[in-house]
Every structure is written in structure tokens, then in C-alpha cells.
Amino acid sequence: MPICNGESAIMSDTQIMMIARLLPPLFRMREWIKVFSIDEDGISLQTFYKNAKGYYNNMLFIEDIKGNKFGAYLCEEWRVNKHFYGTGESFLFTFKDSEEDVQFFKWTSYNDHIQYSDESSIAVGGADGKFALFIRNNFLDGMSHSCKTFENVILASGET
């Protein structure tokens, strides 16, 4: 079990353990540090970028309004950038049926559209005009689509 500095309000210990097993070996047992939470830091994208500065190999944990839990492991620091960036070690995950039933979706090498972030949103995966995961700058709105970058299922309760 990784050492978590600040418990997750979204993922249970069991879910964190399941996700840790998917990480590259070098990062499995490293200390996890929570750098941003809308409950503690608000809904500002600028605060997100400020808090995420200098943190590579990061996780997004998301829970939608219907209780679906999903997210992404990403290898690049989040920053304002009008082009996609990131590495093929990144992946998406979702818990659909139980805390131990994690589905994960590795990069397919279809394209290099891993991470995207600008002044108004962050996104993971992109192909054919759709994102695997898209979050607006207020962190309260987003969407998920199936995407060739990761060949993922829709992660959220629905596409919008």
C-alpha cells in the first residue's frame, strides 16, 4: 500500500491499492501527496496549475454526480500548453462494479494526444474531436467519451 499524505476523499484504500498495482514499478510504493482538492482548494484552474507545479507522475481522481469513480495516471506536470503532451506510460482507469473491479486503459499509440491543458480546461486523450476525459476550468463540469488514444470505455456515468 502506498503511503498517502492526506487521505483521498474519493478513492478508498482498496481502490488506491488496486491503482498502485497498475503504476510503473518505480512509483508503486512512493509517497502519494495530495496537491489539489476542490473541497480544500476551491474550483480555480489557476490554483490547480499552481499547486501541481513541479509534480510529475500524478494522478487524477474523479467522482461524478452519480458516484462513478475514475481517473488517470499521467507522467507530465500539468501546465498551460496549447498542444498535447505526455508520455505513453499514462493510463486511464475506472471502477464500475466494485472497489476491486478496476478497468484500466493503456495508451494505444494511435496518436500522442495524452494530456492537454489550457486556460479553460484540462483533458486526457483526444481523437476524432472527442476527449477520453475533459474537465472545464471550474472542475464541476466535464465529459468522457470513448477515445482511440486509450481505447477506453466512457469513464463517467454518461458522455456529458
C-alpha atoms as a PDB file:
ATOM      1  CA  MET A   1       0.000   0.000   0.000  1.00  0.00           C
ATOM      2  CA  PRO A   2       1.448   3.393  -0.931  1.00  0.00           C
ATOM      3  CA  ILE A   3       1.877   5.999   1.784  1.00  0.00           C
ATOM      4  CA  CYS A   4      -0.812   8.650   1.254  1.00  0.00           C
ATOM      5  CA  ASN A   5      -0.112  12.107   2.609  1.00  0.00           C
ATOM      6  CA  GLY A   6      -3.682  13.294   3.081  1.00  0.00           C
ATOM      7  CA  GLU A   7      -6.411  10.722   2.637  1.00  0.00           C
ATOM      8  CA  SER A   8      -8.389  10.677  -0.582  1.00  0.00           C
ATOM      9  CA  ALA A   9     -11.965  11.879  -0.271  1.00  0.00           C
ATOM     10  CA  ILE A  10     -12.754   9.984  -3.488  1.00  0.00           C
ATOM     11  CA  MET A  11     -10.887   6.674  -3.547  1.00  0.00           C
ATOM     12  CA  SER A  12     -10.978   4.074  -0.786  1.00  0.00           C
ATOM     13  CA  ASP A  13      -7.833   2.354   0.491  1.00  0.00           C
ATOM     14  CA  THR A  14      -8.799  -0.714  -1.550  1.00  0.00           C
ATOM     15  CA  GLN A  15      -9.148   1.360  -4.721  1.00  0.00           C
ATOM     16  CA  ILE A  16      -5.820   3.096  -4.087  1.00  0.00           C
ATOM     17  CA  MET A  17      -4.161  -0.303  -3.668  1.00  0.00           C
ATOM     18  CA  MET A  18      -5.718  -1.519  -6.952  1.00  0.00           C
ATOM     19  CA  ILE A  19      -4.471   1.584  -8.798  1.00  0.00           C
ATOM     20  CA  ALA A  20      -0.994   1.312  -7.256  1.00  0.00           C
ATOM     21  CA  ARG A  21      -0.623  -2.140  -8.817  1.00  0.00           C
ATOM     22  CA  LEU A  22      -1.011  -0.560 -12.261  1.00  0.00           C
ATOM     23  CA  LEU A  23       1.743   2.021 -11.793  1.00  0.00           C
ATOM     24  CA  PRO A  24       5.248   1.639 -13.175  1.00  0.00           C
ATOM     25  CA  PRO A  25       7.327  -0.285 -10.584  1.00  0.00           C
ATOM     26  CA  LEU A  26       9.467   2.747  -9.687  1.00  0.00           C
ATOM     27  CA  PHE A  27       6.404   4.659  -8.450  1.00  0.00           C
ATOM     28  CA  ARG A  28       4.281   1.964  -6.793  1.00  0.00           C
ATOM     29  CA  MET A  29       5.491   2.474  -3.243  1.00  0.00           C
ATOM     30  CA  ARG A  30       6.414   6.151  -3.327  1.00  0.00           C
ATOM     31  CA  GLU A  31       4.605   8.540  -1.047  1.00  0.00           C
ATOM     32  CA  TRP A  32       1.466   9.996  -2.625  1.00  0.00           C
ATOM     33  CA  ILE A  33       0.944  13.686  -1.908  1.00  0.00           C
ATOM     34  CA  LYS A  34      -2.415  15.352  -2.442  1.00  0.00           C
ATOM     35  CA  VAL A  35      -1.696  18.668  -4.149  1.00  0.00           C
ATOM     36  CA  PHE A  36      -5.205  19.735  -5.151  1.00  0.00           C
ATOM     37  CA  SER A  37      -8.742  19.034  -3.990  1.00  0.00           C
ATOM     38  CA  ILE A  38     -11.802  21.093  -4.848  1.00  0.00           C
ATOM     39  CA  ASP A  39     -13.007  20.577  -1.261  1.00  0.00           C
ATOM     40  CA  GLU A  40      -9.842  22.173   0.126  1.00  0.00           C
ATOM     41  CA  ASP A  41      -8.532  24.370  -2.703  1.00  0.00           C
ATOM     42  CA  GLY A  42     -11.669  25.543  -4.477  1.00  0.00           C
ATOM     43  CA  ILE A  43     -12.505  25.328  -8.160  1.00  0.00           C
ATOM     44  CA  SER A  44      -9.877  27.568  -9.738  1.00  0.00           C
ATOM     45  CA  LEU A  45      -7.888  26.098 -12.621  1.00  0.00           C
ATOM     46  CA  GLN A  46      -5.116  28.615 -11.869  1.00  0.00           C
ATOM     47  CA  THR A  47      -4.855  27.235  -8.322  1.00  0.00           C
ATOM     48  CA  PHE A  48      -4.723  23.725  -9.773  1.00  0.00           C
ATOM     49  CA  TYR A  49      -1.786  24.694 -12.031  1.00  0.00           C
ATOM     50  CA  LYS A  50      -0.020  26.496  -9.159  1.00  0.00           C
ATOM     51  CA  ASN A  51      -0.408  23.515  -6.817  1.00  0.00           C
ATOM     52  CA  ALA A  52       0.553  20.960  -9.497  1.00  0.00           C
ATOM     53  CA  LYS A  53       3.733  22.821 -10.485  1.00  0.00           C
ATOM     54  CA  GLY A  54       6.754  20.569 -10.181  1.00  0.00           C
ATOM     55  CA  TYR A  55       4.734  17.364  -9.763  1.00  0.00           C
ATOM     56  CA  TYR A  56       5.297  14.756 -12.425  1.00  0.00           C
ATOM     57  CA  ASN A  57       3.798  11.257 -12.285  1.00  0.00           C
ATOM     58  CA  ASN A  58       0.475  12.453 -10.997  1.00  0.00           C
ATOM     59  CA  MET A  59      -2.985  11.015 -10.527  1.00  0.00           C
ATOM     60  CA  LEU A  60      -6.396  12.488 -11.197  1.00  0.00           C
ATOM     61  CA  PHE A  61      -9.152  11.053  -9.009  1.00  0.00           C
ATOM     62  CA  ILE A  62     -12.677  11.966 -10.090  1.00  0.00           C
ATOM     63  CA  GLU A  63     -16.145  11.102  -8.824  1.00  0.00           C
ATOM     64  CA  ASP A  64     -19.121  12.148 -10.929  1.00  0.00           C
ATOM     65  CA  ILE A  65     -22.553  13.155  -9.660  1.00  0.00           C
ATOM     66  CA  LYS A  66     -23.788   9.568  -9.914  1.00  0.00           C
ATOM     67  CA  GLY A  67     -20.911   8.206  -7.806  1.00  0.00           C
ATOM     68  CA  ASN A  68     -18.782   6.698 -10.608  1.00  0.00           C
ATOM     69  CA  LYS A  69     -15.097   6.823  -9.711  1.00  0.00           C
ATOM     70  CA  PHE A  70     -12.423   7.105 -12.385  1.00  0.00           C
ATOM     71  CA  GLY A  71      -9.267   8.955 -13.284  1.00  0.00           C
ATOM     72  CA  ALA A  72      -5.870   8.932 -14.897  1.00  0.00           C
ATOM     73  CA  TYR A  73      -2.195   8.415 -14.191  1.00  0.00           C
ATOM     74  CA  LEU A  74      -0.123  10.977 -16.088  1.00  0.00           C
ATOM     75  CA  CYS A  75       3.605  11.399 -16.385  1.00  0.00           C
ATOM     76  CA  GLU A  76       3.897  15.121 -17.100  1.00  0.00           C
ATOM     77  CA  GLU A  77       3.419  18.174 -14.912  1.00  0.00           C
ATOM     78  CA  TRP A  78       0.092  19.936 -15.585  1.00  0.00           C
ATOM     79  CA  ARG A  79       0.716  23.332 -17.194  1.00  0.00           C
ATOM     80  CA  VAL A  80      -0.896  25.760 -19.604  1.00  0.00           C
ATOM     81  CA  ASN A  81       0.015  24.415 -23.025  1.00  0.00           C
ATOM     82  CA  LYS A  82      -1.981  24.797 -26.230  1.00  0.00           C
ATOM     83  CA  HIS A  83      -0.698  21.469 -27.586  1.00  0.00           C
ATOM     84  CA  PHE A  84      -0.986  17.879 -26.410  1.00  0.00           C
ATOM     85  CA  TYR A  85       1.905  16.493 -24.366  1.00  0.00           C
ATOM     86  CA  GLY A  86       2.632  13.485 -22.167  1.00  0.00           C
ATOM     87  CA  THR A  87       4.102  10.005 -22.426  1.00  0.00           C
ATOM     88  CA  GLY A  88       2.838   6.546 -23.263  1.00  0.00           C
ATOM     89  CA  GLU A  89       3.193   5.359 -19.654  1.00  0.00           C
ATOM     90  CA  SER A  90      -0.007   7.264 -18.882  1.00  0.00           C
ATOM     91  CA  PHE A  91      -3.287   5.393 -18.483  1.00  0.00           C
ATOM     92  CA  LEU A  92      -6.954   5.816 -17.599  1.00  0.00           C
ATOM     93  CA  PHE A  93      -8.897   3.789 -15.046  1.00  0.00           C
ATOM     94  CA  THR A  94     -12.427   3.337 -13.795  1.00  0.00           C
ATOM     95  CA  PHE A  95     -14.234   1.389 -11.104  1.00  0.00           C
ATOM     96  CA  LYS A  96     -17.597   0.284 -12.484  1.00  0.00           C
ATOM     97  CA  ASP A  97     -18.891  -2.665 -10.475  1.00  0.00           C
ATOM     98  CA  SER A  98     -16.939  -2.841  -7.220  1.00  0.00           C
ATOM     99  CA  GLU A  99     -13.978  -1.391  -5.340  1.00  0.00           C
ATOM    100  CA  GLU A 100     -11.786  -4.223  -6.582  1.00  0.00           C
ATOM    101  CA  ASP A 101     -13.007  -4.237 -10.180  1.00  0.00           C
ATOM    102  CA  VAL A 102     -10.683  -1.699 -11.759  1.00  0.00           C
ATOM    103  CA  GLN A 103     -10.597  -1.386 -15.531  1.00  0.00           C
ATOM    104  CA  PHE A 104      -7.570   0.345 -16.966  1.00  0.00           C
ATOM    105  CA  PHE A 105      -6.788   1.584 -20.419  1.00  0.00           C
ATOM    106  CA  LYS A 106      -3.223   1.894 -21.640  1.00  0.00           C
ATOM    107  CA  TRP A 107      -2.032   4.223 -24.359  1.00  0.00           C
ATOM    108  CA  THR A 108      -2.607   2.576 -27.756  1.00  0.00           C
ATOM    109  CA  SER A 109      -0.004   4.610 -29.723  1.00  0.00           C
ATOM    110  CA  TYR A 110      -2.826   5.667 -32.084  1.00  0.00           C
ATOM    111  CA  ASN A 111      -1.663   9.276 -31.533  1.00  0.00           C
ATOM    112  CA  ASP A 112       0.299  11.308 -28.996  1.00  0.00           C
ATOM    113  CA  HIS A 113      -2.733  13.101 -27.529  1.00  0.00           C
ATOM    114  CA  ILE A 114      -2.088  12.176 -23.907  1.00  0.00           C
ATOM    115  CA  GLN A 115      -2.586  15.399 -21.890  1.00  0.00           C
ATOM    116  CA  TYR A 116      -3.995  18.767 -22.884  1.00  0.00           C
ATOM    117  CA  SER A 117      -4.368  21.837 -20.707  1.00  0.00           C
ATOM    118  CA  ASP A 118      -5.058  25.480 -21.397  1.00  0.00           C
ATOM    119  CA  GLU A 119      -6.605  28.457 -19.564  1.00  0.00           C
ATOM    120  CA  SER A 120     -10.093  26.970 -19.685  1.00  0.00           C
ATOM    121  CA  SER A 121      -9.810  23.180 -19.338  1.00  0.00           C
ATOM    122  CA  ILE A 122      -7.766  20.045 -18.859  1.00  0.00           C
ATOM    123  CA  ALA A 123      -8.156  16.866 -20.891  1.00  0.00           C
ATOM    124  CA  VAL A 124      -6.742  13.374 -21.269  1.00  0.00           C
ATOM    125  CA  GLY A 125      -6.746  11.522 -24.576  1.00  0.00           C
ATOM    126  CA  GLY A 126      -8.091  13.025 -27.755  1.00  0.00           C
ATOM    127  CA  ALA A 127      -9.113  11.708 -31.162  1.00  0.00           C
ATOM    128  CA  ASP A 128     -11.770  12.492 -33.741  1.00  0.00           C
ATOM    129  CA  GLY A 129     -12.846  15.622 -31.860  1.00  0.00           C
ATOM    130  CA  LYS A 130     -13.568  13.773 -28.597  1.00  0.00           C
ATOM    131  CA  PHE A 131     -11.655  13.509 -25.327  1.00  0.00           C
ATOM    132  CA  ALA A 132     -11.435  10.429 -23.141  1.00  0.00           C
ATOM    133  CA  LEU A 133     -11.664  12.802 -20.177  1.00  0.00           C
ATOM    134  CA  PHE A 134     -12.426  16.520 -20.313  1.00  0.00           C
ATOM    135  CA  ILE A 135     -12.794  18.872 -17.327  1.00  0.00           C
ATOM    136  CA  ARG A 136     -13.799  22.534 -17.560  1.00  0.00           C
ATOM    137  CA  ASN A 137     -11.979  25.232 -15.614  1.00  0.00           C
ATOM    138  CA  ASN A 138     -14.483  25.159 -12.736  1.00  0.00           C
ATOM    139  CA  PHE A 139     -13.884  21.421 -12.054  1.00  0.00           C
ATOM    140  CA  LEU A 140     -17.652  20.966 -11.790  1.00  0.00           C
ATOM    141  CA  ASP A 141     -18.375  20.210 -15.448  1.00  0.00           C
ATOM    142  CA  GLY A 142     -16.807  17.722 -17.788  1.00  0.00           C
ATOM    143  CA  MET A 143     -17.381  14.814 -20.085  1.00  0.00           C
ATOM    144  CA  SER A 144     -15.991  11.475 -21.110  1.00  0.00           C
ATOM    145  CA  HIS A 145     -16.034   9.741 -24.463  1.00  0.00           C
ATOM    146  CA  SER A 146     -14.592   6.566 -25.852  1.00  0.00           C
ATOM    147  CA  CYS A 147     -11.284   7.551 -27.443  1.00  0.00           C
ATOM    148  CA  LYS A 148      -8.787   5.808 -29.738  1.00  0.00           C
ATOM    149  CA  THR A 149      -5.833   7.203 -27.766  1.00  0.00           C
ATOM    150  CA  PHE A 150      -6.619   4.750 -24.943  1.00  0.00           C
ATOM    151  CA  GLU A 151      -9.433   2.631 -26.424  1.00  0.00           C
ATOM    152  CA  ASN A 152     -11.338   3.360 -23.239  1.00  0.00           C
ATOM    153  CA  VAL A 153     -14.966   2.964 -22.330  1.00  0.00           C
ATOM    154  CA  ILE A 154     -16.887   6.049 -21.265  1.00  0.00           C
ATOM    155  CA  LEU A 155     -15.482   6.668 -17.791  1.00  0.00           C
ATOM    156  CA  ALA A 156     -18.261   8.800 -16.337  1.00  0.00           C
ATOM    157  CA  SER A 157     -21.952   7.982 -15.884  1.00  0.00           C
ATOM    158  CA  GLY A 158     -22.553   9.261 -19.409  1.00  0.00           C
ATOM    159  CA  GLU A 159     -20.822  11.166 -22.174  1.00  0.00           C
ATOM    160  CA  THR A 160     -21.763  14.585 -20.843  1.00  0.00           C
END
